[in-house]
Amino acid sequence: MKAKLNLTIEQELIPISKKYARAQGISVSQLVEKLLRQLTEKESPNFSEKWQGKFQTEERQDARYTKLQDRFLK
């Protein structure tokens, strides 16, 4: 669901942001939303980073397990 948000920015940035958004084929609102998503996604860990080191595996000696262990656990 979309909601309205009032932003205060420098007067000189308004025409620049409108021109840039128009060149990208999006609205200024979409531009701000896209940039905020990019900023917040960088700060939150991805799946691998979030769960790395959280699970313990049992020791096995078969070749398939060893290969997977070398690839994903080390």
PDB file of N, CA and C in Angstrom:
ATOM      1  N   MET A   1       0.840  -1.171   0.000  1.00  0.00           N
ATOM      2  CA  MET A   1       0.000   0.000   0.000  1.00  0.00           C
ATOM      3  C   MET A   1       0.891   1.242   0.000  1.00  0.00           C
ATOM      4  N   LYS A   2       0.606   2.141  -0.870  1.00  0.00           N
ATOM      5  CA  LYS A   2       1.361   3.394  -0.963  1.00  0.00           C
ATOM      6  C   LYS A   2       0.816   4.401   0.041  1.00  0.00           C
ATOM      7  N   ALA A   3       1.698   5.248   0.554  1.00  0.00           N
ATOM      8  CA  ALA A   3       1.314   6.317   1.468  1.00  0.00           C
ATOM      9  C   ALA A   3       2.083   7.569   1.077  1.00  0.00           C
ATOM     10  N   LYS A   4       1.511   8.704   1.374  1.00  0.00           N
ATOM     11  CA  LYS A   4       2.172   9.967   1.045  1.00  0.00           C
ATOM     12  C   LYS A   4       3.217  10.299   2.092  1.00  0.00           C
ATOM     13  N   LEU A   5       4.295  10.940   1.625  1.00  0.00           N
ATOM     14  CA  LEU A   5       5.383  11.374   2.497  1.00  0.00           C
ATOM     15  C   LEU A   5       5.863  12.725   1.990  1.00  0.00           C
ATOM     16  N   ASN A   6       5.936  13.682   2.862  1.00  0.00           N
ATOM     17  CA  ASN A   6       6.455  15.003   2.492  1.00  0.00           C
ATOM     18  C   ASN A   6       7.944  15.045   2.761  1.00  0.00           C
ATOM     19  N   LEU A   7       8.705  15.498   1.780  1.00  0.00           N
ATOM     20  CA  LEU A   7      10.151  15.633   1.917  1.00  0.00           C
ATOM     21  C   LEU A   7      10.535  17.089   1.734  1.00  0.00           C
ATOM     22  N   THR A   8      11.553  17.497   2.431  1.00  0.00           N
ATOM     23  CA  THR A   8      12.099  18.834   2.266  1.00  0.00           C
ATOM     24  C   THR A   8      13.516  18.673   1.733  1.00  0.00           C
ATOM     25  N   ILE A   9      13.749  19.238   0.542  1.00  0.00           N
ATOM     26  CA  ILE A   9      15.081  19.165  -0.062  1.00  0.00           C
ATOM     27  C   ILE A   9      15.474  20.551  -0.567  1.00  0.00           C
ATOM     28  N   GLU A  10      16.732  20.718  -0.873  1.00  0.00           N
ATOM     29  CA  GLU A  10      17.217  21.996  -1.387  1.00  0.00           C
ATOM     30  C   GLU A  10      16.479  22.356  -2.683  1.00  0.00           C
ATOM     31  N   GLN A  11      16.138  23.615  -2.821  1.00  0.00           N
ATOM     32  CA  GLN A  11      15.389  24.117  -3.976  1.00  0.00           C
ATOM     33  C   GLN A  11      16.080  23.765  -5.289  1.00  0.00           C
ATOM     34  N   GLU A  12      17.412  23.838  -5.324  1.00  0.00           N
ATOM     35  CA  GLU A  12      18.141  23.586  -6.564  1.00  0.00           C
ATOM     36  C   GLU A  12      18.078  22.125  -7.007  1.00  0.00           C
ATOM     37  N   LEU A  13      17.774  21.205  -6.081  1.00  0.00           N
ATOM     38  CA  LEU A  13      17.699  19.786  -6.431  1.00  0.00           C
ATOM     39  C   LEU A  13      16.380  19.389  -7.090  1.00  0.00           C
ATOM     40  N   ILE A  14      15.369  20.202  -6.929  1.00  0.00           N
ATOM     41  CA  ILE A  14      14.047  19.851  -7.474  1.00  0.00           C
ATOM     42  C   ILE A  14      14.081  19.703  -8.992  1.00  0.00           C
ATOM     43  N   PRO A  15      14.525  20.702  -9.752  1.00  0.00           N
ATOM     44  CA  PRO A  15      14.533  20.510 -11.204  1.00  0.00           C
ATOM     45  C   PRO A  15      15.521  19.424 -11.657  1.00  0.00           C
ATOM     46  N   ILE A  16      16.623  19.297 -10.934  1.00  0.00           N
ATOM     47  CA  ILE A  16      17.606  18.268 -11.284  1.00  0.00           C
ATOM     48  C   ILE A  16      17.006  16.879 -11.092  1.00  0.00           C
ATOM     49  N   SER A  17      16.325  16.682  -9.956  1.00  0.00           N
ATOM     50  CA  SER A  17      15.735  15.367  -9.682  1.00  0.00           C
ATOM     51  C   SER A  17      14.599  15.058 -10.655  1.00  0.00           C
ATOM     52  N   LYS A  18      13.800  16.065 -11.015  1.00  0.00           N
ATOM     53  CA  LYS A  18      12.731  15.851 -11.987  1.00  0.00           C
ATOM     54  C   LYS A  18      13.292  15.485 -13.355  1.00  0.00           C
ATOM     55  N   LYS A  19      14.347  16.172 -13.756  1.00  0.00           N
ATOM     56  CA  LYS A  19      14.965  15.891 -15.053  1.00  0.00           C
ATOM     57  C   LYS A  19      15.561  14.480 -15.071  1.00  0.00           C
ATOM     58  N   TYR A  20      16.242  14.110 -13.997  1.00  0.00           N
ATOM     59  CA  TYR A  20      16.845  12.774 -13.922  1.00  0.00           C
ATOM     60  C   TYR A  20      15.764  11.695 -13.943  1.00  0.00           C
ATOM     61  N   ALA A  21      14.720  11.876 -13.145  1.00  0.00           N
ATOM     62  CA  ALA A  21      13.638  10.897 -13.098  1.00  0.00           C
ATOM     63  C   ALA A  21      12.967  10.766 -14.464  1.00  0.00           C
ATOM     64  N   ARG A  22      12.732  11.875 -15.115  1.00  0.00           N
ATOM     65  CA  ARG A  22      12.105  11.859 -16.438  1.00  0.00           C
ATOM     66  C   ARG A  22      12.984  11.083 -17.420  1.00  0.00           C
ATOM     67  N   ALA A  23      14.290  11.295 -17.361  1.00  0.00           N
ATOM     68  CA  ALA A  23      15.213  10.594 -18.247  1.00  0.00           C
ATOM     69  C   ALA A  23      15.205   9.084 -17.985  1.00  0.00           C
ATOM     70  N   GLN A  24      14.927   8.695 -16.735  1.00  0.00           N
ATOM     71  CA  GLN A  24      14.857   7.280 -16.379  1.00  0.00           C
ATOM     72  C   GLN A  24      13.474   6.686 -16.659  1.00  0.00           C
ATOM     73  N   GLY A  25      12.527   7.544 -16.997  1.00  0.00           N
ATOM     74  CA  GLY A  25      11.167   7.083 -17.277  1.00  0.00           C
ATOM     75  C   GLY A  25      10.372   6.760 -16.023  1.00  0.00           C
ATOM     76  N   ILE A  26      10.718   7.420 -14.916  1.00  0.00           N
ATOM     77  CA  ILE A  26      10.023   7.196 -13.654  1.00  0.00           C
ATOM     78  C   ILE A  26       9.688   8.537 -13.018  1.00  0.00           C
ATOM     79  N   SER A  27       8.851   8.488 -12.001  1.00  0.00           N
ATOM     80  CA  SER A  27       8.524   9.712 -11.267  1.00  0.00           C
ATOM     81  C   SER A  27       9.576   9.965 -10.193  1.00  0.00           C
ATOM     82  N   VAL A  28       9.562  11.158  -9.633  1.00  0.00           N
ATOM     83  CA  VAL A  28      10.484  11.487  -8.548  1.00  0.00           C
ATOM     84  C   VAL A  28      10.178  10.593  -7.343  1.00  0.00           C
ATOM     85  N   SER A  29       8.916  10.321  -7.104  1.00  0.00           N
ATOM     86  CA  SER A  29       8.537   9.430  -6.009  1.00  0.00           C
ATOM     87  C   SER A  29       9.136   8.042  -6.211  1.00  0.00           C
ATOM     88  N   GLN A  30       9.053   7.527  -7.423  1.00  0.00           N
ATOM     89  CA  GLN A  30       9.626   6.220  -7.716  1.00  0.00           C
ATOM     90  C   GLN A  30      11.148   6.246  -7.568  1.00  0.00           C
ATOM     91  N   LEU A  31      11.754   7.348  -7.964  1.00  0.00           N
ATOM     92  CA  LEU A  31      13.197   7.502  -7.826  1.00  0.00           C
ATOM     93  C   LEU A  31      13.619   7.459  -6.358  1.00  0.00           C
ATOM     94  N   VAL A  32      12.920   8.208  -5.513  1.00  0.00           N
ATOM     95  CA  VAL A  32      13.228   8.231  -4.081  1.00  0.00           C
ATOM     96  C   VAL A  32      13.009   6.842  -3.479  1.00  0.00           C
ATOM     97  N   GLU A  33      11.914   6.194  -3.849  1.00  0.00           N
ATOM     98  CA  GLU A  33      11.621   4.861  -3.336  1.00  0.00           C
ATOM     99  C   GLU A  33      12.711   3.865  -3.744  1.00  0.00           C
ATOM    100  N   LYS A  34      13.130   3.935  -5.000  1.00  0.00           N
ATOM    101  CA  LYS A  34      14.181   3.042  -5.500  1.00  0.00           C
ATOM    102  C   LYS A  34      15.493   3.256  -4.737  1.00  0.00           C
ATOM    103  N   LEU A  35      15.863   4.509  -4.538  1.00  0.00           N
ATOM    104  CA  LEU A  35      17.108   4.814  -3.821  1.00  0.00           C
ATOM    105  C   LEU A  35      17.043   4.378  -2.362  1.00  0.00           C
ATOM    106  N   LEU A  36      15.898   4.564  -1.721  1.00  0.00           N
ATOM    107  CA  LEU A  36      15.753   4.130  -0.335  1.00  0.00           C
ATOM    108  C   LEU A  36      15.824   2.612  -0.221  1.00  0.00           C
ATOM    109  N   ARG A  37      15.234   1.915  -1.173  1.00  0.00           N
ATOM    110  CA  ARG A  37      15.315   0.443  -1.173  1.00  0.00           C
ATOM    111  C   ARG A  37      16.765  -0.011  -1.328  1.00  0.00           C
ATOM    112  N   GLN A  38      17.499   0.607  -2.234  1.00  0.00           N
ATOM    113  CA  GLN A  38      18.894   0.243  -2.440  1.00  0.00           C
ATOM    114  C   GLN A  38      19.718   0.472  -1.176  1.00  0.00           C
ATOM    115  N   LEU A  39      19.487   1.591  -0.520  1.00  0.00           N
ATOM    116  CA  LEU A  39      20.233   1.902   0.704  1.00  0.00           C
ATOM    117  C   LEU A  39      19.928   0.915   1.827  1.00  0.00           C
ATOM    118  N   THR A  40      18.657   0.595   2.011  1.00  0.00           N
ATOM    119  CA  THR A  40      18.288  -0.287   3.113  1.00  0.00           C
ATOM    120  C   THR A  40      18.638  -1.737   2.823  1.00  0.00           C
ATOM    121  N   GLU A  41      18.644  -2.156   1.575  1.00  0.00           N
ATOM    122  CA  GLU A  41      19.018  -3.530   1.247  1.00  0.00           C
ATOM    123  C   GLU A  41      20.499  -3.761   1.476  1.00  0.00           C
ATOM    124  N   LYS A  42      21.316  -2.756   1.269  1.00  0.00           N
ATOM    125  CA  LYS A  42      22.748  -2.888   1.496  1.00  0.00           C
ATOM    126  C   LYS A  42      23.048  -3.097   2.973  1.00  0.00           C
ATOM    127  N   GLU A  43      22.256  -2.506   3.836  1.00  0.00           N
ATOM    128  CA  GLU A  43      22.492  -2.599   5.269  1.00  0.00           C
ATOM    129  C   GLU A  43      22.030  -3.921   5.853  1.00  0.00           C
ATOM    130  N   SER A  44      20.988  -4.514   5.281  1.00  0.00           N
ATOM    131  CA  SER A  44      20.504  -5.770   5.836  1.00  0.00           C
ATOM    132  C   SER A  44      21.274  -6.941   5.226  1.00  0.00           C
ATOM    133  N   PRO A  45      21.611  -7.933   6.031  1.00  0.00           N
ATOM    134  CA  PRO A  45      22.402  -9.058   5.523  1.00  0.00           C
ATOM    135  C   PRO A  45      21.601  -9.923   4.558  1.00  0.00           C
ATOM    136  N   ASN A  46      22.302 -10.510   3.591  1.00  0.00           N
ATOM    137  CA  ASN A  46      21.615 -11.435   2.706  1.00  0.00           C
ATOM    138  C   ASN A  46      21.440 -12.762   3.439  1.00  0.00           C
ATOM    139  N   PHE A  47      20.790 -13.704   2.812  1.00  0.00           N
ATOM    140  CA  PHE A  47      20.468 -14.980   3.457  1.00  0.00           C
ATOM    141  C   PHE A  47      21.716 -15.681   3.977  1.00  0.00           C
ATOM    142  N   SER A  48      22.748 -15.754   3.147  1.00  0.00           N
ATOM    143  CA  SER A  48      23.972 -16.455   3.541  1.00  0.00           C
ATOM    144  C   SER A  48      24.640 -15.787   4.739  1.00  0.00           C
ATOM    145  N   GLU A  49      24.727 -14.461   4.705  1.00  0.00           N
ATOM    146  CA  GLU A  49      25.348 -13.738   5.807  1.00  0.00           C
ATOM    147  C   GLU A  49      24.552 -13.905   7.096  1.00  0.00           C
ATOM    148  N   LYS A  50      23.234 -13.921   6.969  1.00  0.00           N
ATOM    149  CA  LYS A  50      22.369 -14.018   8.134  1.00  0.00           C
ATOM    150  C   LYS A  50      22.522 -15.363   8.846  1.00  0.00           C
ATOM    151  N   TRP A  51      22.651 -16.449   8.092  1.00  0.00           N
ATOM    152  CA  TRP A  51      22.656 -17.788   8.682  1.00  0.00           C
ATOM    153  C   TRP A  51      24.040 -18.418   8.786  1.00  0.00           C
ATOM    154  N   GLN A  52      25.069 -17.754   8.302  1.00  0.00           N
ATOM    155  CA  GLN A  52      26.409 -18.323   8.334  1.00  0.00           C
ATOM    156  C   GLN A  52      26.833 -18.616   9.769  1.00  0.00           C
ATOM    157  N   GLY A  53      27.256 -19.867  10.014  1.00  0.00           N
ATOM    158  CA  GLY A  53      27.718 -20.276  11.323  1.00  0.00           C
ATOM    159  C   GLY A  53      26.628 -20.631  12.309  1.00  0.00           C
ATOM    160  N   LYS A  54      25.365 -20.613  11.892  1.00  0.00           N
ATOM    161  CA  LYS A  54      24.257 -20.893  12.799  1.00  0.00           C
ATOM    162  C   LYS A  54      23.937 -22.387  12.909  1.00  0.00           C
ATOM    163  N   PHE A  55      24.338 -23.159  11.926  1.00  0.00           N
ATOM    164  CA  PHE A  55      24.005 -24.578  11.917  1.00  0.00           C
ATOM    165  C   PHE A  55      25.262 -25.423  12.037  1.00  0.00           C
ATOM    166  N   GLN A  56      25.154 -26.497  12.766  1.00  0.00           N
ATOM    167  CA  GLN A  56      26.247 -27.437  12.902  1.00  0.00           C
ATOM    168  C   GLN A  56      25.923 -28.677  12.074  1.00  0.00           C
ATOM    169  N   THR A  57      26.916 -29.241  11.455  1.00  0.00           N
ATOM    170  CA  THR A  57      26.710 -30.435  10.648  1.00  0.00           C
ATOM    171  C   THR A  57      27.333 -31.630  11.346  1.00  0.00           C
ATOM    172  N   GLU A  58      26.793 -32.775  11.045  1.00  0.00           N
ATOM    173  CA  GLU A  58      27.383 -33.995  11.589  1.00  0.00           C
ATOM    174  C   GLU A  58      28.570 -34.383  10.721  1.00  0.00           C
ATOM    175  N   GLU A  59      29.518 -35.034  11.308  1.00  0.00           N
ATOM    176  CA  GLU A  59      30.700 -35.454  10.558  1.00  0.00           C
ATOM    177  C   GLU A  59      30.377 -36.696   9.738  1.00  0.00           C
ATOM    178  N   ARG A  60      30.642 -36.615   8.466  1.00  0.00           N
ATOM    179  CA  ARG A  60      30.444 -37.741   7.558  1.00  0.00           C
ATOM    180  C   ARG A  60      31.690 -37.868   6.708  1.00  0.00           C
ATOM    181  N   GLN A  61      31.892 -39.019   6.169  1.00  0.00           N
ATOM    182  CA  GLN A  61      33.110 -39.262   5.411  1.00  0.00           C
ATOM    183  C   GLN A  61      32.881 -39.597   3.938  1.00  0.00           C
ATOM    184  N   ASP A  62      31.633 -39.576   3.450  1.00  0.00           N
ATOM    185  CA  ASP A  62      31.442 -39.925   2.043  1.00  0.00           C
ATOM    186  C   ASP A  62      31.902 -38.782   1.136  1.00  0.00           C
ATOM    187  N   ALA A  63      32.245 -39.118  -0.103  1.00  0.00           N
ATOM    188  CA  ALA A  63      32.836 -38.162  -1.042  1.00  0.00           C
ATOM    189  C   ALA A  63      31.899 -37.001  -1.365  1.00  0.00           C
ATOM    190  N   ARG A  64      30.628 -37.282  -1.521  1.00  0.00           N
ATOM    191  CA  ARG A  64      29.657 -36.230  -1.864  1.00  0.00           C
ATOM    192  C   ARG A  64      29.589 -35.184  -0.746  1.00  0.00           C
ATOM    193  N   TYR A  65      29.510 -35.661   0.485  1.00  0.00           N
ATOM    194  CA  TYR A  65      29.455 -34.747   1.622  1.00  0.00           C
ATOM    195  C   TYR A  65      30.724 -33.906   1.705  1.00  0.00           C
ATOM    196  N   THR A  66      31.864 -34.543   1.524  1.00  0.00           N
ATOM    197  CA  THR A  66      33.142 -33.839   1.598  1.00  0.00           C
ATOM    198  C   THR A  66      33.213 -32.733   0.553  1.00  0.00           C
ATOM    199  N   LYS A  67      32.736 -33.031  -0.666  1.00  0.00           N
ATOM    200  CA  LYS A  67      32.753 -32.023  -1.723  1.00  0.00           C
ATOM    201  C   LYS A  67      31.829 -30.853  -1.392  1.00  0.00           C
ATOM    202  N   LEU A  68      30.632 -31.168  -0.910  1.00  0.00           N
ATOM    203  CA  LEU A  68      29.693 -30.114  -0.524  1.00  0.00           C
ATOM    204  C   LEU A  68      30.226 -29.310   0.659  1.00  0.00           C
ATOM    205  N   GLN A  69      30.854 -29.983   1.609  1.00  0.00           N
ATOM    206  CA  GLN A  69      31.429 -29.302   2.756  1.00  0.00           C
ATOM    207  C   GLN A  69      32.522 -28.325   2.331  1.00  0.00           C
ATOM    208  N   ASP A  70      33.385 -28.773   1.430  1.00  0.00           N
ATOM    209  CA  ASP A  70      34.449 -27.891   0.929  1.00  0.00           C
ATOM    210  C   ASP A  70      33.883 -26.681   0.207  1.00  0.00           C
ATOM    211  N   ARG A  71      32.801 -26.890  -0.511  1.00  0.00           N
ATOM    212  CA  ARG A  71      32.221 -25.802  -1.308  1.00  0.00           C
ATOM    213  C   ARG A  71      31.446 -24.802  -0.460  1.00  0.00           C
ATOM    214  N   PHE A  72      30.653 -25.287   0.504  1.00  0.00           N
ATOM    215  CA  PHE A  72      29.726 -24.404   1.196  1.00  0.00           C
ATOM    216  C   PHE A  72      30.058 -24.103   2.660  1.00  0.00           C
ATOM    217  N   LEU A  73      30.862 -24.912   3.291  1.00  0.00           N
ATOM    218  CA  LEU A  73      31.091 -24.718   4.722  1.00  0.00           C
ATOM    219  C   LEU A  73      32.471 -24.186   5.055  1.00  0.00           C
ATOM    220  N   LYS A  74      33.336 -24.075   4.099  1.00  0.00           N
ATOM    221  CA  LYS A  74      34.678 -23.587   4.391  1.00  0.00           C
ATOM    222  C   LYS A  74      34.977 -22.323   3.661  1.00  0.00           C
TER     223      LYS A  74
END
